[in-house]
Amino acid sequence: MTDKPDDVLATAERLAKANPPAGTEYDRHRLDVAKAHLMLHRFGEAFDVLSEVHRRSPEWTVEQRYAQDIVVDVIDGRRTLTPEMRTLAVALRVPM
């Protein structure tokens, strides 16, 4: 995953077509997808994926340092933050 964000996104497409199971394993995969978007400087897409995971599993997401790191990277990569980005950062306990 670290050096191949395109592979992660291709895998995500295949999983989406296969009707993936819900649960923490899939949520972890979706965090990897968000990180892959970040690596390609697609900050909006990364945020959208992270928001999706948080909507589905808010209690789990709050406990994930990886999710917090992704929010920090989105904040660092954007000139301005949307209200939704600020709300998610607060929910994940990310200082701004």
C-alpha atoms as a PDB file:
ATOM      1  CA  MET A   1       0.000   0.000   0.000  1.00  0.00           C
ATOM      2  CA  THR A   2       2.747   2.440   0.920  1.00  0.00           C
ATOM      3  CA  ASP A   3       4.194   2.771  -2.552  1.00  0.00           C
ATOM      4  CA  LYS A   4       1.211   1.806  -4.689  1.00  0.00           C
ATOM      5  CA  PRO A   5      -1.862   3.949  -4.078  1.00  0.00           C
ATOM      6  CA  ASP A   6      -3.207   3.086  -7.538  1.00  0.00           C
ATOM      7  CA  ASP A   7      -3.236  -0.606  -6.579  1.00  0.00           C
ATOM      8  CA  VAL A   8      -5.220   0.192  -3.439  1.00  0.00           C
ATOM      9  CA  LEU A   9      -7.776   2.148  -5.445  1.00  0.00           C
ATOM     10  CA  ALA A  10      -8.055  -0.644  -8.037  1.00  0.00           C
ATOM     11  CA  THR A  11      -8.641  -3.172  -5.251  1.00  0.00           C
ATOM     12  CA  ALA A  12     -11.267  -0.877  -3.761  1.00  0.00           C
ATOM     13  CA  GLU A  13     -13.108  -0.805  -7.081  1.00  0.00           C
ATOM     14  CA  ARG A  14     -13.123  -4.596  -7.286  1.00  0.00           C
ATOM     15  CA  LEU A  15     -14.362  -4.891  -3.698  1.00  0.00           C
ATOM     16  CA  ALA A  16     -17.136  -2.384  -4.298  1.00  0.00           C
ATOM     17  CA  LYS A  17     -18.420  -4.508  -7.173  1.00  0.00           C
ATOM     18  CA  ALA A  18     -18.249  -7.661  -5.046  1.00  0.00           C
ATOM     19  CA  ASN A  19     -20.584  -6.256  -2.367  1.00  0.00           C
ATOM     20  CA  PRO A  20     -18.023  -6.256   0.473  1.00  0.00           C
ATOM     21  CA  PRO A  21     -18.928  -7.253   3.999  1.00  0.00           C
ATOM     22  CA  ALA A  22     -19.361  -4.619   6.657  1.00  0.00           C
ATOM     23  CA  GLY A  23     -17.178  -4.528   9.721  1.00  0.00           C
ATOM     24  CA  THR A  24     -13.891  -3.278  11.009  1.00  0.00           C
ATOM     25  CA  GLU A  25     -11.798  -5.112   8.414  1.00  0.00           C
ATOM     26  CA  TYR A  26     -13.639  -3.348   5.635  1.00  0.00           C
ATOM     27  CA  ASP A  27     -13.487  -0.040   7.501  1.00  0.00           C
ATOM     28  CA  ARG A  28      -9.713  -0.446   7.846  1.00  0.00           C
ATOM     29  CA  HIS A  29      -9.521  -1.071   4.108  1.00  0.00           C
ATOM     30  CA  ARG A  30     -11.514   2.115   3.518  1.00  0.00           C
ATOM     31  CA  LEU A  31      -9.002   4.055   5.631  1.00  0.00           C
ATOM     32  CA  ASP A  32      -6.307   2.668   3.331  1.00  0.00           C
ATOM     33  CA  VAL A  33      -8.360   3.938   0.391  1.00  0.00           C
ATOM     34  CA  ALA A  34      -8.538   7.390   1.975  1.00  0.00           C
ATOM     35  CA  LYS A  35      -4.765   7.339   2.482  1.00  0.00           C
ATOM     36  CA  ALA A  36      -4.255   6.299  -1.155  1.00  0.00           C
ATOM     37  CA  HIS A  37      -6.292   9.306  -2.278  1.00  0.00           C
ATOM     38  CA  LEU A  38      -4.128  11.517  -0.064  1.00  0.00           C
ATOM     39  CA  MET A  39      -0.978  10.120  -1.617  1.00  0.00           C
ATOM     40  CA  LEU A  40      -2.357  11.197  -4.990  1.00  0.00           C
ATOM     41  CA  HIS A  41      -3.235  14.656  -3.581  1.00  0.00           C
ATOM     42  CA  ARG A  42      -6.969  14.003  -3.892  1.00  0.00           C
ATOM     43  CA  PHE A  43      -7.891  15.617  -0.600  1.00  0.00           C
ATOM     44  CA  GLY A  44     -11.618  15.837  -1.260  1.00  0.00           C
ATOM     45  CA  GLU A  45     -11.871  12.149  -2.144  1.00  0.00           C
ATOM     46  CA  ALA A  46      -9.841  11.203   0.927  1.00  0.00           C
ATOM     47  CA  PHE A  47     -12.176  13.229   3.097  1.00  0.00           C
ATOM     48  CA  ASP A  48     -15.261  11.697   1.471  1.00  0.00           C
ATOM     49  CA  VAL A  49     -14.028   8.154   2.156  1.00  0.00           C
ATOM     50  CA  LEU A  50     -13.099   8.996   5.737  1.00  0.00           C
ATOM     51  CA  SER A  51     -16.505  10.612   6.275  1.00  0.00           C
ATOM     52  CA  GLU A  52     -18.198   7.480   4.944  1.00  0.00           C
ATOM     53  CA  VAL A  53     -16.288   5.306   7.415  1.00  0.00           C
ATOM     54  CA  HIS A  54     -17.101   7.657  10.275  1.00  0.00           C
ATOM     55  CA  ARG A  55     -20.816   7.691   9.420  1.00  0.00           C
ATOM     56  CA  ARG A  56     -20.848   3.890   9.357  1.00  0.00           C
ATOM     57  CA  SER A  57     -18.676   3.305  12.448  1.00  0.00           C
ATOM     58  CA  PRO A  58     -18.321   6.500  14.495  1.00  0.00           C
ATOM     59  CA  GLU A  59     -17.233   4.851  17.754  1.00  0.00           C
ATOM     60  CA  TRP A  60     -14.609   2.741  15.981  1.00  0.00           C
ATOM     61  CA  THR A  61     -13.287   5.611  13.876  1.00  0.00           C
ATOM     62  CA  VAL A  62     -12.766   7.884  16.870  1.00  0.00           C
ATOM     63  CA  GLU A  63     -10.401   5.302  18.362  1.00  0.00           C
ATOM     64  CA  GLN A  64      -8.282   4.952  15.206  1.00  0.00           C
ATOM     65  CA  ARG A  65      -5.047   6.926  15.189  1.00  0.00           C
ATOM     66  CA  TYR A  66      -4.825   6.184  11.457  1.00  0.00           C
ATOM     67  CA  ALA A  67      -8.102   8.056  10.863  1.00  0.00           C
ATOM     68  CA  GLN A  68      -6.815  10.995  12.889  1.00  0.00           C
ATOM     69  CA  ASP A  69      -3.590  11.044  10.865  1.00  0.00           C
ATOM     70  CA  ILE A  70      -5.587  11.131   7.636  1.00  0.00           C
ATOM     71  CA  VAL A  71      -7.622  14.116   8.878  1.00  0.00           C
ATOM     72  CA  VAL A  72      -4.395  15.910   9.807  1.00  0.00           C
ATOM     73  CA  ASP A  73      -3.045  15.263   6.300  1.00  0.00           C
ATOM     74  CA  VAL A  74      -6.257  16.581   4.727  1.00  0.00           C
ATOM     75  CA  ILE A  75      -6.067  19.715   6.889  1.00  0.00           C
ATOM     76  CA  ASP A  76      -2.400  20.203   5.986  1.00  0.00           C
ATOM     77  CA  GLY A  77      -3.141  19.740   2.275  1.00  0.00           C
ATOM     78  CA  ARG A  78      -6.069  22.138   2.000  1.00  0.00           C
ATOM     79  CA  ARG A  79      -6.025  25.917   1.913  1.00  0.00           C
ATOM     80  CA  THR A  80      -9.464  26.165   3.451  1.00  0.00           C
ATOM     81  CA  LEU A  81     -11.574  23.694   5.363  1.00  0.00           C
ATOM     82  CA  THR A  82     -15.237  23.077   4.786  1.00  0.00           C
ATOM     83  CA  PRO A  83     -17.596  23.039   7.760  1.00  0.00           C
ATOM     84  CA  GLU A  84     -17.867  19.258   7.274  1.00  0.00           C
ATOM     85  CA  MET A  85     -14.091  18.893   7.538  1.00  0.00           C
ATOM     86  CA  ARG A  86     -14.038  20.923  10.731  1.00  0.00           C
ATOM     87  CA  THR A  87     -16.876  18.830  12.174  1.00  0.00           C
ATOM     88  CA  LEU A  88     -15.078  15.574  11.404  1.00  0.00           C
ATOM     89  CA  ALA A  89     -11.818  16.893  12.848  1.00  0.00           C
ATOM     90  CA  VAL A  90     -13.603  17.764  16.081  1.00  0.00           C
ATOM     91  CA  ALA A  91     -15.353  14.366  16.173  1.00  0.00           C
ATOM     92  CA  LEU A  92     -12.005  12.576  15.758  1.00  0.00           C
ATOM     93  CA  ARG A  93     -10.407  14.827  18.398  1.00  0.00           C
ATOM     94  CA  VAL A  94      -7.922  16.376  15.985  1.00  0.00           C
ATOM     95  CA  PRO A  95      -6.655  19.783  17.135  1.00  0.00           C
ATOM     96  CA  MET A  96      -6.890  22.542  14.536  1.00  0.00           C
END
